[in-house]
């Protein structure tokens, strides 16, 4: 099978909280990219797959909080695959830096940022 990922996923484990309306779910990030996240839910998730979710997590040993809105792509018991739908400018800057520190290739990161910008342009059209 041909690998179709356009974004480098980095293994990154940290607690995160997922919100859907009043519903709140404790999760742990398993990996992430500039495009999405893979989460493991502490408890059995009770999510509406047609509604967006908000995700918040802190970078370890800092006061930096990353918040984003995502779409549930798939759920396999407690494993949740999310695609980022919206992220504020501060959070994307921190997420970019986190990926940059873990990817190890500036040219690869710049290609991914260009592709991400192209995705946004195509969705607005």
N, C-alpha and C. Protein backbone atom coordinates (compact mmCIF):
# COMPACT_ATOMS: atom_id res chain seq x y z
N UNK A 1 0.84 -1.19 0.00
CA UNK A 1 0.00 0.00 0.00
C UNK A 1 0.88 1.25 0.00
N UNK A 2 0.54 2.22 -0.80
CA UNK A 2 1.30 3.46 -0.90
C UNK A 2 0.92 4.37 0.26
N UNK A 3 1.94 4.93 0.92
CA UNK A 3 1.73 5.86 2.03
C UNK A 3 1.23 7.18 1.45
N UNK A 4 0.07 7.65 1.92
CA UNK A 4 -0.52 8.87 1.37
C UNK A 4 -0.47 10.05 2.33
N UNK A 5 0.13 9.86 3.47
CA UNK A 5 0.20 10.96 4.44
C UNK A 5 1.01 12.11 3.86
N UNK A 6 0.49 13.31 4.04
CA UNK A 6 1.21 14.50 3.61
C UNK A 6 1.79 15.23 4.80
N UNK A 7 1.51 14.73 5.99
CA UNK A 7 1.99 15.38 7.21
C UNK A 7 2.72 14.36 8.06
N UNK A 8 3.86 14.76 8.59
CA UNK A 8 4.63 13.88 9.47
C UNK A 8 3.94 13.79 10.82
N UNK A 9 3.69 12.57 11.24
CA UNK A 9 3.11 12.35 12.55
C UNK A 9 4.26 12.15 13.53
N UNK A 10 4.14 12.78 14.67
CA UNK A 10 5.17 12.60 15.69
C UNK A 10 4.53 11.92 16.89
N UNK A 11 5.28 11.02 17.49
CA UNK A 11 4.80 10.39 18.71
C UNK A 11 4.92 11.43 19.81
N UNK A 12 3.81 11.70 20.44
CA UNK A 12 3.77 12.74 21.46
C UNK A 12 2.70 12.33 22.46
N UNK A 13 3.09 12.01 23.66
CA UNK A 13 2.12 11.56 24.65
C UNK A 13 1.97 12.62 25.73
N UNK A 14 0.73 13.08 25.83
CA UNK A 14 0.39 14.11 26.82
C UNK A 14 -1.10 14.04 27.08
N UNK A 15 -1.52 14.39 28.30
CA UNK A 15 -2.96 14.42 28.56
C UNK A 15 -3.63 15.55 27.78
N UNK A 16 -4.86 15.29 27.36
CA UNK A 16 -5.65 16.30 26.64
C UNK A 16 -7.10 16.14 27.07
N UNK A 17 -7.84 17.23 27.01
CA UNK A 17 -9.26 17.19 27.31
C UNK A 17 -10.03 17.47 26.04
N UNK A 18 -11.02 16.64 25.79
CA UNK A 18 -11.87 16.77 24.61
C UNK A 18 -13.24 17.24 25.09
N UNK A 19 -13.81 18.22 24.39
CA UNK A 19 -15.12 18.78 24.74
C UNK A 19 -16.05 18.67 23.54
N UNK A 20 -17.30 18.32 23.82
CA UNK A 20 -18.34 18.36 22.80
C UNK A 20 -19.59 18.87 23.50
N UNK A 21 -19.86 20.17 23.33
CA UNK A 21 -20.94 20.79 24.10
C UNK A 21 -20.59 20.73 25.58
N UNK A 22 -21.50 20.22 26.40
CA UNK A 22 -21.26 20.09 27.84
C UNK A 22 -20.46 18.84 28.18
N UNK A 23 -20.33 17.92 27.23
CA UNK A 23 -19.62 16.66 27.45
C UNK A 23 -18.12 16.90 27.47
N UNK A 24 -17.44 16.29 28.43
CA UNK A 24 -16.00 16.44 28.58
C UNK A 24 -15.39 15.05 28.73
N UNK A 25 -14.26 14.81 28.07
CA UNK A 25 -13.64 13.50 28.07
C UNK A 25 -12.13 13.64 28.27
N UNK A 26 -11.60 12.94 29.26
CA UNK A 26 -10.15 12.91 29.48
C UNK A 26 -9.53 11.95 28.47
N UNK A 27 -8.48 12.41 27.80
CA UNK A 27 -7.80 11.60 26.79
C UNK A 27 -6.29 11.74 26.96
N UNK A 28 -5.58 10.93 26.20
CA UNK A 28 -4.13 11.04 26.13
C UNK A 28 -3.75 11.05 24.65
N UNK A 29 -3.00 12.06 24.25
CA UNK A 29 -2.52 12.14 22.87
C UNK A 29 -1.51 11.01 22.65
N UNK A 30 -1.67 10.28 21.55
CA UNK A 30 -0.74 9.22 21.17
C UNK A 30 0.25 9.72 20.12
N UNK A 31 -0.28 10.45 19.14
CA UNK A 31 0.58 11.12 18.16
C UNK A 31 -0.20 12.28 17.56
N UNK A 32 0.53 13.15 16.88
CA UNK A 32 -0.10 14.32 16.27
C UNK A 32 0.69 14.80 15.07
N UNK A 33 0.03 15.64 14.29
CA UNK A 33 0.65 16.28 13.14
C UNK A 33 0.04 17.67 13.02
N UNK A 34 0.42 18.40 11.99
CA UNK A 34 -0.19 19.70 11.74
C UNK A 34 -1.62 19.55 11.24
N UNK A 35 -2.03 18.33 10.95
CA UNK A 35 -3.33 18.07 10.35
C UNK A 35 -4.29 17.32 11.26
N UNK A 36 -3.77 16.60 12.26
CA UNK A 36 -4.67 15.81 13.09
C UNK A 36 -4.00 15.21 14.30
N UNK A 37 -4.82 14.47 15.08
CA UNK A 37 -4.36 13.85 16.31
C UNK A 37 -4.91 12.44 16.43
N UNK A 38 -4.18 11.62 17.15
CA UNK A 38 -4.64 10.30 17.53
C UNK A 38 -4.71 10.31 19.05
N UNK A 39 -5.90 10.08 19.60
CA UNK A 39 -6.11 10.14 21.04
C UNK A 39 -6.56 8.79 21.58
N UNK A 40 -6.25 8.54 22.83
CA UNK A 40 -6.77 7.39 23.55
C UNK A 40 -7.62 7.95 24.68
N UNK A 41 -8.89 7.52 24.74
CA UNK A 41 -9.81 8.02 25.76
C UNK A 41 -9.68 7.21 27.04
N UNK A 42 -9.64 7.90 28.17
CA UNK A 42 -9.54 7.23 29.47
C UNK A 42 -10.80 6.41 29.73
N UNK A 43 -11.96 6.99 29.45
CA UNK A 43 -13.24 6.30 29.60
C UNK A 43 -13.84 6.05 28.22
N UNK A 44 -14.84 5.17 28.17
CA UNK A 44 -15.52 4.88 26.90
C UNK A 44 -16.14 6.18 26.36
N UNK A 45 -15.77 6.60 25.15
CA UNK A 45 -16.30 7.85 24.59
C UNK A 45 -17.79 7.75 24.24
N UNK A 46 -18.49 8.85 24.46
CA UNK A 46 -19.89 8.96 24.07
C UNK A 46 -20.02 10.22 23.22
N UNK A 47 -19.51 10.15 21.99
CA UNK A 47 -19.43 11.32 21.11
C UNK A 47 -20.43 11.22 19.97
N UNK A 48 -20.90 12.38 19.54
CA UNK A 48 -21.73 12.47 18.34
C UNK A 48 -20.77 12.70 17.17
N UNK A 49 -20.60 11.72 16.29
CA UNK A 49 -19.61 11.85 15.21
C UNK A 49 -19.95 12.93 14.18
N UNK A 50 -21.16 13.47 14.23
CA UNK A 50 -21.54 14.52 13.28
C UNK A 50 -21.20 15.92 13.78
N UNK A 51 -20.80 16.02 15.05
CA UNK A 51 -20.48 17.32 15.64
C UNK A 51 -18.98 17.47 15.85
N UNK A 52 -18.51 18.71 15.73
CA UNK A 52 -17.10 19.00 15.99
C UNK A 52 -16.80 18.85 17.47
N UNK A 53 -15.52 18.65 17.78
CA UNK A 53 -15.06 18.57 19.16
C UNK A 53 -13.98 19.63 19.37
N UNK A 54 -13.86 20.09 20.59
CA UNK A 54 -12.78 20.99 20.96
C UNK A 54 -11.77 20.18 21.76
N UNK A 55 -10.49 20.43 21.53
CA UNK A 55 -9.42 19.72 22.22
C UNK A 55 -8.50 20.77 22.83
N UNK A 56 -8.08 20.51 24.07
CA UNK A 56 -7.14 21.41 24.74
C UNK A 56 -6.07 20.57 25.43
N UNK A 57 -4.82 21.01 25.30
CA UNK A 57 -3.74 20.35 26.02
C UNK A 57 -2.61 21.34 26.28
N UNK A 58 -1.86 21.06 27.33
CA UNK A 58 -0.74 21.90 27.72
C UNK A 58 0.55 21.26 27.24
N UNK A 59 1.51 22.08 26.84
CA UNK A 59 2.84 21.56 26.56
C UNK A 59 3.53 21.32 27.90
N UNK A 60 4.17 20.17 28.06
CA UNK A 60 4.80 19.85 29.35
C UNK A 60 5.83 20.89 29.77
N UNK A 61 5.91 21.08 31.06
CA UNK A 61 6.88 22.00 31.65
C UNK A 61 6.77 23.41 31.11
N UNK A 62 5.54 23.83 30.79
CA UNK A 62 5.32 25.19 30.31
C UNK A 62 3.90 25.61 30.65
N UNK A 63 3.59 26.86 30.39
CA UNK A 63 2.22 27.34 30.57
C UNK A 63 1.53 27.51 29.22
N UNK A 64 2.06 26.86 28.19
CA UNK A 64 1.51 26.98 26.83
C UNK A 64 0.35 26.01 26.67
N UNK A 65 -0.81 26.56 26.32
CA UNK A 65 -2.01 25.77 26.11
C UNK A 65 -2.36 25.79 24.62
N UNK A 66 -2.52 24.62 24.03
CA UNK A 66 -2.92 24.52 22.63
C UNK A 66 -4.39 24.13 22.59
N UNK A 67 -5.18 24.91 21.86
CA UNK A 67 -6.60 24.61 21.70
C UNK A 67 -6.93 24.54 20.22
N UNK A 68 -7.83 23.63 19.87
CA UNK A 68 -8.21 23.46 18.48
C UNK A 68 -9.60 22.85 18.40
N UNK A 69 -10.20 22.96 17.24
CA UNK A 69 -11.48 22.33 16.94
C UNK A 69 -11.20 21.27 15.88
N UNK A 70 -11.80 20.09 16.07
CA UNK A 70 -11.50 18.98 15.17
C UNK A 70 -12.76 18.19 14.83
N UNK A 71 -12.62 17.40 13.79
CA UNK A 71 -13.69 16.51 13.33
C UNK A 71 -13.26 15.07 13.65
N UNK A 72 -14.17 14.29 14.21
CA UNK A 72 -13.91 12.89 14.49
C UNK A 72 -13.93 12.13 13.17
N UNK A 73 -12.79 11.58 12.79
CA UNK A 73 -12.67 10.83 11.54
C UNK A 73 -13.06 9.38 11.76
N UNK A 74 -12.58 8.80 12.85
CA UNK A 74 -12.96 7.42 13.17
C UNK A 74 -12.76 7.16 14.65
N UNK A 75 -13.47 6.14 15.11
CA UNK A 75 -13.37 5.73 16.51
C UNK A 75 -13.31 4.21 16.53
N UNK A 76 -12.31 3.69 17.21
CA UNK A 76 -12.17 2.25 17.39
C UNK A 76 -12.07 2.01 18.89
N UNK A 77 -13.21 1.73 19.51
CA UNK A 77 -13.34 1.63 20.96
C UNK A 77 -12.87 2.94 21.58
N UNK A 78 -11.71 2.94 22.25
CA UNK A 78 -11.25 4.17 22.91
C UNK A 78 -10.23 4.96 22.10
N UNK A 79 -9.92 4.50 20.91
CA UNK A 79 -8.97 5.21 20.04
C UNK A 79 -9.75 6.16 19.13
N UNK A 80 -9.39 7.45 19.18
CA UNK A 80 -10.08 8.48 18.41
C UNK A 80 -9.11 9.11 17.42
N UNK A 81 -9.52 9.16 16.16
CA UNK A 81 -8.72 9.82 15.13
C UNK A 81 -9.43 11.13 14.77
N UNK A 82 -8.71 12.23 14.92
CA UNK A 82 -9.29 13.55 14.69
C UNK A 82 -8.55 14.29 13.59
N UNK A 83 -9.30 15.05 12.80
CA UNK A 83 -8.73 15.94 11.78
C UNK A 83 -8.97 17.36 12.26
N UNK A 84 -7.92 18.16 12.31
CA UNK A 84 -8.05 19.55 12.77
C UNK A 84 -8.89 20.33 11.77
N UNK A 85 -9.92 20.97 12.29
CA UNK A 85 -10.83 21.79 11.47
C UNK A 85 -10.49 23.27 11.61
N UNK A 86 -10.13 23.68 12.82
CA UNK A 86 -9.78 25.08 13.09
C UNK A 86 -8.79 25.12 14.26
N UNK A 87 -7.79 25.99 14.13
CA UNK A 87 -6.83 26.20 15.21
C UNK A 87 -6.42 27.66 15.17
N UNK A 88 -6.35 28.30 16.33
CA UNK A 88 -6.01 29.72 16.37
C UNK A 88 -4.52 29.91 16.05
N UNK A 89 -4.16 31.13 15.74
CA UNK A 89 -2.81 31.45 15.26
C UNK A 89 -1.75 31.13 16.31
N UNK A 90 -2.02 31.40 17.59
CA UNK A 90 -1.04 31.09 18.64
C UNK A 90 -0.85 29.59 18.76
N UNK A 91 -1.95 28.84 18.75
CA UNK A 91 -1.86 27.39 18.90
C UNK A 91 -1.15 26.75 17.72
N UNK A 92 -1.42 27.21 16.49
CA UNK A 92 -0.74 26.61 15.33
C UNK A 92 0.74 26.93 15.37
N UNK A 93 1.09 28.10 15.88
CA UNK A 93 2.51 28.45 16.02
C UNK A 93 3.21 27.51 16.99
N UNK A 94 2.57 27.22 18.12
CA UNK A 94 3.15 26.30 19.10
C UNK A 94 3.20 24.87 18.56
N UNK A 95 2.13 24.46 17.87
CA UNK A 95 2.09 23.12 17.29
C UNK A 95 3.16 22.96 16.21
N UNK A 96 3.33 23.99 15.39
CA UNK A 96 4.37 23.98 14.35
C UNK A 96 5.75 23.82 14.99
N UNK A 97 5.99 24.54 16.06
CA UNK A 97 7.29 24.46 16.74
C UNK A 97 7.51 23.07 17.34
N UNK A 98 6.47 22.49 17.91
CA UNK A 98 6.56 21.15 18.48
C UNK A 98 6.90 20.13 17.40
N UNK A 99 6.22 20.22 16.27
CA UNK A 99 6.50 19.31 15.15
C UNK A 99 7.91 19.56 14.62
N UNK A 100 8.28 20.82 14.50
CA UNK A 100 9.60 21.20 13.99
C UNK A 100 10.71 20.58 14.83
N UNK A 101 10.54 20.60 16.14
CA UNK A 101 11.56 20.05 17.03
C UNK A 101 11.66 18.54 16.91
N UNK A 102 10.58 17.89 16.48
CA UNK A 102 10.56 16.44 16.42
C UNK A 102 10.75 15.86 15.02
N UNK A 103 10.50 16.64 13.97
CA UNK A 103 10.65 16.15 12.60
C UNK A 103 12.12 16.11 12.21
N UNK A 104 12.86 17.14 12.58
CA UNK A 104 14.29 17.17 12.30
C UNK A 104 14.65 17.62 10.90
N UNK A 105 13.68 18.07 10.10
CA UNK A 105 13.96 18.51 8.74
C UNK A 105 13.18 19.78 8.44
N UNK A 106 13.90 20.89 8.31
CA UNK A 106 13.24 22.16 8.00
C UNK A 106 12.52 22.11 6.67
N UNK A 107 13.13 21.49 5.66
CA UNK A 107 12.51 21.47 4.33
C UNK A 107 11.22 20.66 4.36
N UNK A 108 11.19 19.55 5.10
CA UNK A 108 9.98 18.75 5.21
C UNK A 108 8.88 19.55 5.91
N UNK A 109 9.23 20.25 6.97
CA UNK A 109 8.25 21.05 7.70
C UNK A 109 7.70 22.16 6.81
N UNK A 110 8.55 22.83 6.03
CA UNK A 110 8.08 23.90 5.15
C UNK A 110 7.14 23.37 4.07
N UNK A 111 7.44 22.18 3.53
CA UNK A 111 6.53 21.57 2.55
C UNK A 111 5.17 21.29 3.19
N UNK A 112 5.18 20.80 4.42
CA UNK A 112 3.93 20.51 5.10
C UNK A 112 3.14 21.79 5.37
N UNK A 113 3.82 22.86 5.74
CA UNK A 113 3.14 24.14 5.98
C UNK A 113 2.53 24.67 4.68
N UNK A 114 3.25 24.54 3.58
CA UNK A 114 2.71 24.98 2.28
C UNK A 114 1.49 24.16 1.90
N UNK A 115 1.54 22.85 2.13
CA UNK A 115 0.40 22.00 1.80
C UNK A 115 -0.79 22.36 2.69
N UNK A 116 -0.54 22.64 3.96
CA UNK A 116 -1.61 23.03 4.88
C UNK A 116 -2.25 24.33 4.41
N UNK A 117 -1.45 25.29 3.97
CA UNK A 117 -1.98 26.56 3.46
C UNK A 117 -2.81 26.32 2.21
N UNK A 118 -2.35 25.43 1.33
CA UNK A 118 -3.12 25.10 0.12
C UNK A 118 -4.45 24.46 0.47
N UNK A 119 -4.48 23.62 1.49
CA UNK A 119 -5.74 23.00 1.92
C UNK A 119 -6.74 24.06 2.34
N UNK A 120 -6.27 25.05 3.10
CA UNK A 120 -7.15 26.13 3.55
C UNK A 120 -7.68 26.94 2.38
N UNK A 121 -6.84 27.20 1.39
CA UNK A 121 -7.28 27.94 0.21
C UNK A 121 -8.34 27.17 -0.55
N UNK A 122 -8.16 25.87 -0.69
CA UNK A 122 -9.12 25.03 -1.43
C UNK A 122 -10.44 24.91 -0.70
N UNK A 123 -10.43 24.90 0.64
CA UNK A 123 -11.67 24.78 1.40
C UNK A 123 -12.47 26.07 1.36
N UNK A 124 -11.80 27.21 1.19
CA UNK A 124 -12.49 28.50 1.14
C UNK A 124 -13.13 28.74 -0.22
N UNK A 125 -12.67 28.03 -1.24
CA UNK A 125 -13.16 28.25 -2.61
C UNK A 125 -14.56 27.72 -2.79
